[in-house]
Amino acid sequence: MFNRWCRIQTLDFVKKRKFSNLPVQHKIDGTRWDRIPYPLYARRVIYIAPIIISGIIGTTIYLDPQFPENPNSEVVKDMFRRGFIVATSLLITFPIIVVVLKTRVNWIWRQKIQYVASLIGSCAYFKYGELFPKSEFCSELAPVLAVNVSVLSGALLAPFSNNGWILCSSYAALLTFIISCYFSNNYLQGILFDKEVSNWNSELKQRIASREKTSK
């Protein structure tokens, strides 16, 4: 009788809970559990995050002519382009690495969604910096865009999450924010205030001009 009462209380708790980082579960026929692929808060993130991302991109396009051109813009584009290539390469090869290491390093397999979401957010950060190389956008709006993209990726990949989509999205947002701030505070600031970067910028302009001539 006591065990039956405990079981009823447990099922009642599972049924009444409204907020959790785990997919909602319902008892079916007493034999199996049905997992909802996209819980309520995941669906809200999927609806709201694209609006925020579109707002950031629209604001950037609107304010872009009002800010002065960066004198070392080609160097900034080159650095962000290299970061995008590295992040994209890791994103492509990571699923293969996860499958290979599944039996040996289980914690990587369990946290795969947060790593994938972090790499997607990093790709968005570097691509945004390449398209809009002005310092005002790269240092302020780019990290916000990257965090929103990583959270949206975690919500979209919620059915494949083992630890819960909220936990994976939180870790992905934190890791993406750390990557963007590290890149901005180290590489971007060095490009903007280093005198030797102007020589590199002139070389890149010469290479671009030569490529345009050969293509014509």
Protein backbone atom coordinates (compact mmCIF):
# COMPACT_ATOMS: atom_id res chain seq x y z
CA MET A 1 0.00 0.00 0.00
CA PHE A 2 2.84 2.37 0.87
CA ASN A 3 4.65 1.61 -2.38
CA ARG A 4 1.48 2.28 -4.36
CA TRP A 5 1.02 5.62 -2.59
CA CYS A 6 4.62 6.62 -3.38
CA ARG A 7 4.11 5.69 -7.01
CA ILE A 8 0.95 7.80 -7.23
CA GLN A 9 2.73 10.79 -5.68
CA THR A 10 5.64 10.43 -8.11
CA LEU A 11 3.38 10.31 -11.15
CA ASP A 12 1.39 13.26 -9.79
CA PHE A 13 4.61 15.28 -9.42
CA VAL A 14 5.70 14.47 -12.96
CA LYS A 15 2.28 15.43 -14.27
CA LYS A 16 2.00 18.78 -12.45
CA ARG A 17 5.47 20.17 -13.06
CA LYS A 18 5.45 23.18 -15.37
CA PHE A 19 9.13 24.10 -15.79
CA SER A 20 12.04 21.76 -16.30
CA ASN A 21 15.09 21.45 -18.48
CA LEU A 22 14.05 17.90 -19.34
CA PRO A 23 11.44 16.95 -21.94
CA VAL A 24 7.97 16.44 -20.47
CA GLN A 25 7.10 12.77 -19.96
CA HIS A 26 3.72 11.06 -19.78
CA LYS A 27 2.92 7.52 -18.74
CA ILE A 28 1.34 5.48 -21.56
CA ASP A 29 -0.21 2.04 -20.91
CA GLY A 30 2.12 1.62 -17.96
CA THR A 31 4.90 0.32 -20.22
CA ARG A 32 6.69 3.21 -21.94
CA TRP A 33 7.37 6.95 -21.76
CA ASP A 34 6.60 9.49 -24.46
CA ARG A 35 9.08 12.36 -24.82
CA ILE A 36 7.82 15.66 -26.20
CA PRO A 37 10.48 16.76 -28.73
CA TYR A 38 9.95 20.49 -28.23
CA PRO A 39 8.73 21.58 -24.78
CA LEU A 40 6.92 24.87 -24.23
CA TYR A 41 9.96 27.03 -23.53
CA ALA A 42 11.89 25.53 -26.45
CA ARG A 43 9.06 26.51 -28.78
CA ARG A 44 9.06 30.03 -27.36
CA VAL A 45 12.79 30.34 -27.97
CA ILE A 46 12.33 29.07 -31.53
CA TYR A 47 9.70 31.78 -32.09
CA ILE A 48 11.49 34.69 -30.38
CA ALA A 49 15.18 34.13 -31.19
CA PRO A 50 14.83 34.57 -35.00
CA ILE A 51 13.08 37.91 -34.37
CA ILE A 52 16.00 39.09 -32.21
CA ILE A 53 18.55 37.89 -34.77
CA SER A 54 16.67 39.61 -37.60
CA GLY A 55 16.49 42.79 -35.51
CA ILE A 56 20.26 42.78 -34.95
CA ILE A 57 20.98 42.25 -38.64
CA GLY A 58 18.45 44.90 -39.67
CA THR A 59 19.89 47.39 -37.18
CA THR A 60 23.38 46.71 -38.49
CA ILE A 61 22.35 47.28 -42.10
CA TYR A 62 20.57 50.50 -41.10
CA LEU A 63 23.46 51.90 -39.03
CA ASP A 64 26.29 50.69 -41.26
CA PRO A 65 26.47 53.84 -43.47
CA GLN A 66 26.52 56.10 -40.40
CA PHE A 67 29.81 54.78 -38.98
CA PRO A 68 33.23 55.54 -40.49
CA GLU A 69 35.07 52.87 -42.40
CA ASN A 70 37.77 51.00 -40.51
CA PRO A 71 41.21 51.80 -42.02
CA ASN A 72 42.27 48.17 -41.52
CA SER A 73 39.00 46.63 -42.66
CA GLU A 74 40.66 44.08 -44.92
CA VAL A 75 42.68 42.70 -42.02
CA VAL A 76 39.55 42.47 -39.88
CA LYS A 77 37.75 40.61 -42.68
CA ASP A 78 40.71 38.27 -43.10
CA MET A 79 40.84 37.40 -39.39
CA PHE A 80 37.11 36.78 -39.16
CA ARG A 81 37.23 34.75 -42.37
CA ARG A 82 39.92 32.51 -40.88
CA GLY A 83 37.90 32.09 -37.71
CA PHE A 84 34.83 31.17 -39.76
CA ILE A 85 36.80 28.54 -41.68
CA VAL A 86 38.13 27.02 -38.43
CA ALA A 87 34.69 26.99 -36.76
CA THR A 88 33.01 25.52 -39.84
CA SER A 89 35.66 22.81 -40.14
CA LEU A 90 35.18 21.84 -36.49
CA LEU A 91 31.40 21.84 -36.95
CA ILE A 92 31.66 19.48 -39.93
CA THR A 93 34.11 17.06 -38.30
CA PHE A 94 32.65 17.12 -34.78
CA PRO A 95 29.76 14.64 -35.43
CA ILE A 96 32.27 12.12 -36.76
CA ILE A 97 34.52 12.59 -33.73
CA VAL A 98 31.54 12.20 -31.38
CA VAL A 99 30.46 8.92 -32.98
CA VAL A 100 34.01 7.56 -32.84
CA LEU A 101 34.49 8.55 -29.19
CA LYS A 102 31.00 7.55 -28.02
CA THR A 103 32.09 4.29 -26.37
CA ARG A 104 35.31 5.70 -24.88
CA VAL A 105 34.42 9.23 -23.78
CA ASN A 106 30.74 9.14 -22.87
CA TRP A 107 30.57 12.66 -21.43
CA ILE A 108 31.38 14.15 -24.85
CA TRP A 109 28.49 12.17 -26.32
CA ARG A 110 26.09 13.33 -23.61
CA GLN A 111 27.07 16.98 -24.07
CA LYS A 112 27.21 16.90 -27.86
CA ILE A 113 24.37 19.39 -28.34
CA GLN A 114 26.05 22.17 -26.40
CA TYR A 115 29.25 21.76 -28.42
CA VAL A 116 27.37 21.79 -31.72
CA ALA A 117 25.35 24.84 -30.65
CA SER A 118 28.55 26.60 -29.56
CA LEU A 119 30.19 25.95 -32.92
CA ILE A 120 27.11 27.21 -34.77
CA GLY A 121 27.12 30.37 -32.67
CA SER A 122 30.85 30.82 -33.34
CA CYS A 123 30.24 30.45 -37.09
CA ALA A 124 27.57 33.15 -36.89
CA TYR A 125 29.93 35.42 -34.94
CA PHE A 126 32.80 35.12 -37.40
CA LYS A 127 30.56 35.45 -40.47
CA TYR A 128 28.92 38.55 -39.03
CA GLY A 129 32.34 40.09 -38.37
CA GLU A 130 33.44 39.30 -41.91
CA LEU A 131 30.36 40.94 -43.44
CA PHE A 132 30.38 43.96 -41.09
CA PRO A 133 34.02 44.61 -40.14
CA LYS A 134 33.43 47.88 -38.31
CA SER A 135 34.60 47.88 -34.70
CA GLU A 136 31.27 49.11 -33.30
CA PHE A 137 29.47 46.08 -34.70
CA CYS A 138 32.18 43.46 -34.07
CA SER A 139 32.69 44.34 -30.42
CA GLU A 140 29.08 45.03 -29.37
CA LEU A 141 26.49 43.42 -31.62
CA ALA A 142 28.44 40.37 -32.80
CA PRO A 143 28.58 38.65 -29.36
CA VAL A 144 24.84 39.24 -28.85
CA LEU A 145 24.09 37.74 -32.25
CA ALA A 146 26.32 34.73 -31.56
CA VAL A 147 24.69 34.03 -28.18
CA ASN A 148 21.19 34.17 -29.68
CA VAL A 149 22.20 31.84 -32.51
CA SER A 150 23.69 29.33 -30.06
CA VAL A 151 20.55 29.39 -27.87
CA LEU A 152 18.35 28.96 -30.94
CA SER A 153 20.50 26.03 -32.08
CA GLY A 154 20.18 24.39 -28.68
CA ALA A 155 16.39 24.78 -28.80
CA LEU A 156 16.17 23.36 -32.32
CA LEU A 157 18.30 20.37 -31.31
CA ALA A 158 16.23 19.72 -28.16
CA PRO A 159 15.00 16.25 -29.31
CA PHE A 160 18.61 15.03 -29.42
CA SER A 161 19.63 16.44 -26.04
CA ASN A 162 20.49 14.02 -23.23
CA ASN A 163 20.95 16.60 -20.47
CA GLY A 164 18.02 18.86 -21.31
CA TRP A 165 17.90 21.63 -23.87
CA ILE A 166 17.98 24.49 -21.33
CA LEU A 167 21.20 23.23 -19.79
CA CYS A 168 22.80 22.68 -23.20
CA SER A 169 21.69 26.10 -24.46
CA SER A 170 23.02 27.80 -21.34
CA TYR A 171 26.43 26.16 -21.65
CA ALA A 172 26.51 26.89 -25.39
CA ALA A 173 25.64 30.55 -24.85
CA LEU A 174 28.32 30.89 -22.17
CA LEU A 175 30.99 29.19 -24.28
CA THR A 176 30.09 31.25 -27.36
CA PHE A 177 30.20 34.47 -25.33
CA ILE A 178 33.64 33.57 -23.96
CA ILE A 179 34.97 32.81 -27.47
CA SER A 180 33.61 36.07 -28.91
CA CYS A 181 34.89 38.21 -26.03
CA TYR A 182 38.32 36.56 -26.17
CA PHE A 183 38.58 37.14 -29.91
CA SER A 184 37.36 40.72 -29.60
CA ASN A 185 39.60 41.69 -26.68
CA ASN A 186 42.75 40.08 -28.08
CA TYR A 187 42.75 39.96 -31.87
CA LEU A 188 40.29 42.72 -32.77
CA GLN A 189 41.74 45.30 -30.40
CA GLY A 190 45.24 44.43 -31.58
CA ILE A 191 44.22 44.97 -35.19
CA LEU A 192 42.65 48.33 -34.41
CA PHE A 193 45.57 49.76 -32.44
CA ASP A 194 48.65 48.07 -33.90
CA LYS A 195 50.64 50.27 -36.30
CA GLU A 196 52.16 47.33 -38.17
CA VAL A 197 48.73 46.10 -39.22
CA SER A 198 48.54 48.85 -41.86
CA ASN A 199 51.27 47.09 -43.89
CA TRP A 200 49.31 43.85 -43.75
CA ASN A 201 46.17 45.72 -44.81
CA SER A 202 47.92 47.26 -47.83
CA GLU A 203 49.23 43.84 -48.89
CA LEU A 204 45.74 42.38 -48.71
CA LYS A 205 44.37 45.22 -50.83
CA GLN A 206 47.05 44.60 -53.44
CA ARG A 207 46.21 40.90 -53.55
CA ILE A 208 42.51 41.66 -53.91
CA ALA A 209 43.22 44.11 -56.74
CA SER A 210 45.43 41.58 -58.54
CA ARG A 211 42.74 38.88 -58.23
CA GLU A 212 40.14 41.22 -59.66
CA LYS A 213 42.41 42.01 -62.62
CA THR A 214 43.08 38.34 -63.35
CA SER A 215 39.39 37.48 -63.09
CA LYS A 216 38.55 40.15 -65.67
